[in-house]
Amino acid sequence: MDIESLKAMLDNDQDSLILRFGLGQALLKQKDYSAAIEHLLKALEFDNQYSAAYKLLGKAYTLSDQNQLAIATYENGISIAENKGDIQAAKEMQVFLKRLKQ
């Protein structure tokens, strides 16, 4: 789906974790980092244990030169992913975190 379709769903009171995550992902691809961050934060309001949202949020912060927020997001996301057994997401975020700290 395109961004306009996703926004139309949001305008029609179809707000959800998956909608916000998808919108954040689409906006990130369009390099609209501040809007992507806004929607990914909203996604985490629906489920603060959704490790994929932490991974994308950390990426959005990194790409918008907000490295301290990216570091904090990755650290939190790694902890959540490990606790959930989402090992792949945890490993990916560890790599991104390591790059930021170099």
C-alpha atoms as a PDB file:
ATOM      1  CA  MET A   1       0.000   0.000   0.000  1.00  0.00           C
ATOM      2  CA  ASP A   2       1.087   3.528  -0.621  1.00  0.00           C
ATOM      3  CA  ILE A   3       1.413   6.230   2.003  1.00  0.00           C
ATOM      4  CA  GLU A   4      -1.805   7.990   0.987  1.00  0.00           C
ATOM      5  CA  SER A   5      -3.818   4.777   1.331  1.00  0.00           C
ATOM      6  CA  LEU A   6      -2.337   4.148   4.762  1.00  0.00           C
ATOM      7  CA  LYS A   7      -3.092   7.722   5.843  1.00  0.00           C
ATOM      8  CA  ALA A   8      -6.662   7.352   4.572  1.00  0.00           C
ATOM      9  CA  MET A   9      -7.081   4.261   6.741  1.00  0.00           C
ATOM     10  CA  LEU A  10      -5.766   6.240   9.696  1.00  0.00           C
ATOM     11  CA  ASP A  11      -8.218   9.062   8.947  1.00  0.00           C
ATOM     12  CA  ASN A  12     -11.036   6.486   8.940  1.00  0.00           C
ATOM     13  CA  ASP A  13     -10.309   5.485  12.554  1.00  0.00           C
ATOM     14  CA  GLN A  14      -8.536   2.251  11.622  1.00  0.00           C
ATOM     15  CA  ASP A  15      -5.581   3.038  13.864  1.00  0.00           C
ATOM     16  CA  SER A  16      -3.537  -0.007  14.849  1.00  0.00           C
ATOM     17  CA  LEU A  17      -0.055  -1.263  15.572  1.00  0.00           C
ATOM     18  CA  ILE A  18       0.354  -2.719  12.094  1.00  0.00           C
ATOM     19  CA  LEU A  19      -0.986   0.404  10.372  1.00  0.00           C
ATOM     20  CA  ARG A  20       1.369   2.676  12.305  1.00  0.00           C
ATOM     21  CA  PHE A  21       4.299   0.334  11.724  1.00  0.00           C
ATOM     22  CA  GLY A  22       3.557   0.127   7.995  1.00  0.00           C
ATOM     23  CA  LEU A  23       3.197   3.878   7.730  1.00  0.00           C
ATOM     24  CA  GLY A  24       6.459   4.397   9.612  1.00  0.00           C
ATOM     25  CA  GLN A  25       8.199   1.927   7.320  1.00  0.00           C
ATOM     26  CA  ALA A  26       6.831   3.575   4.165  1.00  0.00           C
ATOM     27  CA  LEU A  27       7.772   7.062   5.357  1.00  0.00           C
ATOM     28  CA  LEU A  28      11.264   5.869   6.246  1.00  0.00           C
ATOM     29  CA  LYS A  29      11.685   4.613   2.672  1.00  0.00           C
ATOM     30  CA  GLN A  30      10.579   8.062   1.467  1.00  0.00           C
ATOM     31  CA  LYS A  31      13.234   9.608   3.753  1.00  0.00           C
ATOM     32  CA  ASP A  32      10.593  11.462   5.775  1.00  0.00           C
ATOM     33  CA  TYR A  33      12.348  10.607   9.009  1.00  0.00           C
ATOM     34  CA  SER A  34      10.427  12.855  11.403  1.00  0.00           C
ATOM     35  CA  ALA A  35       7.059  11.523  10.228  1.00  0.00           C
ATOM     36  CA  ALA A  36       8.389   7.947  10.335  1.00  0.00           C
ATOM     37  CA  ILE A  37       9.538   8.487  13.911  1.00  0.00           C
ATOM     38  CA  GLU A  38       6.128   9.862  14.882  1.00  0.00           C
ATOM     39  CA  HIS A  39       4.304   6.798  13.541  1.00  0.00           C
ATOM     40  CA  LEU A  40       6.790   4.287  14.930  1.00  0.00           C
ATOM     41  CA  LEU A  41       6.443   5.852  18.374  1.00  0.00           C
ATOM     42  CA  LYS A  42       2.663   5.507  18.012  1.00  0.00           C
ATOM     43  CA  ALA A  43       3.122   1.862  17.031  1.00  0.00           C
ATOM     44  CA  LEU A  44       5.036   1.310  20.263  1.00  0.00           C
ATOM     45  CA  GLU A  45       2.152   2.880  22.202  1.00  0.00           C
ATOM     46  CA  PHE A  46       0.011  -0.009  20.919  1.00  0.00           C
ATOM     47  CA  ASP A  47       2.633  -2.616  21.881  1.00  0.00           C
ATOM     48  CA  ASN A  48       5.825  -1.570  23.626  1.00  0.00           C
ATOM     49  CA  GLN A  49       7.186  -5.097  23.171  1.00  0.00           C
ATOM     50  CA  TYR A  50       7.158  -4.985  19.342  1.00  0.00           C
ATOM     51  CA  SER A  51      10.852  -5.393  18.596  1.00  0.00           C
ATOM     52  CA  ALA A  52      10.544  -4.707  14.856  1.00  0.00           C
ATOM     53  CA  ALA A  53       9.326  -1.190  15.665  1.00  0.00           C
ATOM     54  CA  TYR A  54      12.390  -0.562  17.835  1.00  0.00           C
ATOM     55  CA  LYS A  55      14.639  -1.669  14.992  1.00  0.00           C
ATOM     56  CA  LEU A  56      13.000   0.720  12.506  1.00  0.00           C
ATOM     57  CA  LEU A  57      12.770   3.536  15.046  1.00  0.00           C
ATOM     58  CA  GLY A  58      16.482   3.220  15.786  1.00  0.00           C
ATOM     59  CA  LYS A  59      17.182   3.374  12.057  1.00  0.00           C
ATOM     60  CA  ALA A  60      15.013   6.480  11.671  1.00  0.00           C
ATOM     61  CA  TYR A  61      16.795   8.192  14.551  1.00  0.00           C
ATOM     62  CA  THR A  62      20.179   7.266  13.053  1.00  0.00           C
ATOM     63  CA  LEU A  63      19.261   8.574   9.620  1.00  0.00           C
ATOM     64  CA  SER A  64      18.014  11.826  11.142  1.00  0.00           C
ATOM     65  CA  ASP A  65      21.303  12.279  13.054  1.00  0.00           C
ATOM     66  CA  GLN A  66      19.726  11.696  16.459  1.00  0.00           C
ATOM     67  CA  ASN A  67      22.361   9.191  17.526  1.00  0.00           C
ATOM     68  CA  GLN A  68      21.743   9.313  21.277  1.00  0.00           C
ATOM     69  CA  LEU A  69      18.062   8.516  20.754  1.00  0.00           C
ATOM     70  CA  ALA A  70      19.056   5.758  18.326  1.00  0.00           C
ATOM     71  CA  ILE A  71      21.418   4.243  20.892  1.00  0.00           C
ATOM     72  CA  ALA A  72      18.774   4.317  23.621  1.00  0.00           C
ATOM     73  CA  THR A  73      16.182   2.850  21.252  1.00  0.00           C
ATOM     74  CA  TYR A  74      18.458   0.012  20.156  1.00  0.00           C
ATOM     75  CA  GLU A  75      19.463  -0.789  23.744  1.00  0.00           C
ATOM     76  CA  ASN A  76      15.825  -0.951  24.794  1.00  0.00           C
ATOM     77  CA  GLY A  77      14.874  -2.913  21.688  1.00  0.00           C
ATOM     78  CA  ILE A  78      17.656  -5.454  22.208  1.00  0.00           C
ATOM     79  CA  SER A  79      16.501  -6.100  25.753  1.00  0.00           C
ATOM     80  CA  ILE A  80      12.898  -6.549  24.657  1.00  0.00           C
ATOM     81  CA  ALA A  81      13.823  -8.760  21.703  1.00  0.00           C
ATOM     82  CA  GLU A  82      16.021 -10.996  23.870  1.00  0.00           C
ATOM     83  CA  ASN A  83      13.289 -11.331  26.498  1.00  0.00           C
ATOM     84  CA  LYS A  84      10.808 -12.345  23.788  1.00  0.00           C
ATOM     85  CA  GLY A  85      13.216 -14.776  22.148  1.00  0.00           C
ATOM     86  CA  ASP A  86      13.382 -12.649  18.994  1.00  0.00           C
ATOM     87  CA  ILE A  87      17.067 -13.451  18.541  1.00  0.00           C
ATOM     88  CA  GLN A  88      17.382 -12.273  14.922  1.00  0.00           C
ATOM     89  CA  ALA A  89      16.034  -8.784  15.714  1.00  0.00           C
ATOM     90  CA  ALA A  90      18.280  -8.577  18.767  1.00  0.00           C
ATOM     91  CA  LYS A  91      21.355  -9.506  16.717  1.00  0.00           C
ATOM     92  CA  GLU A  92      20.542  -6.972  14.007  1.00  0.00           C
ATOM     93  CA  MET A  93      20.060  -4.196  16.552  1.00  0.00           C
ATOM     94  CA  GLN A  94      23.335  -5.166  18.268  1.00  0.00           C
ATOM     95  CA  VAL A  95      25.152  -4.666  14.951  1.00  0.00           C
ATOM     96  CA  PHE A  96      23.525  -1.258  14.426  1.00  0.00           C
ATOM     97  CA  LEU A  97      24.283  -0.264  18.006  1.00  0.00           C
ATOM     98  CA  LYS A  98      27.919  -1.266  17.666  1.00  0.00           C
ATOM     99  CA  ARG A  99      28.269   0.876  14.529  1.00  0.00           C
ATOM    100  CA  LEU A 100      26.799   3.883  16.318  1.00  0.00           C
ATOM    101  CA  LYS A 101      29.162   3.542  19.256  1.00  0.00           C
ATOM    102  CA  GLN A 102      32.318   3.393  17.089  1.00  0.00           C
END
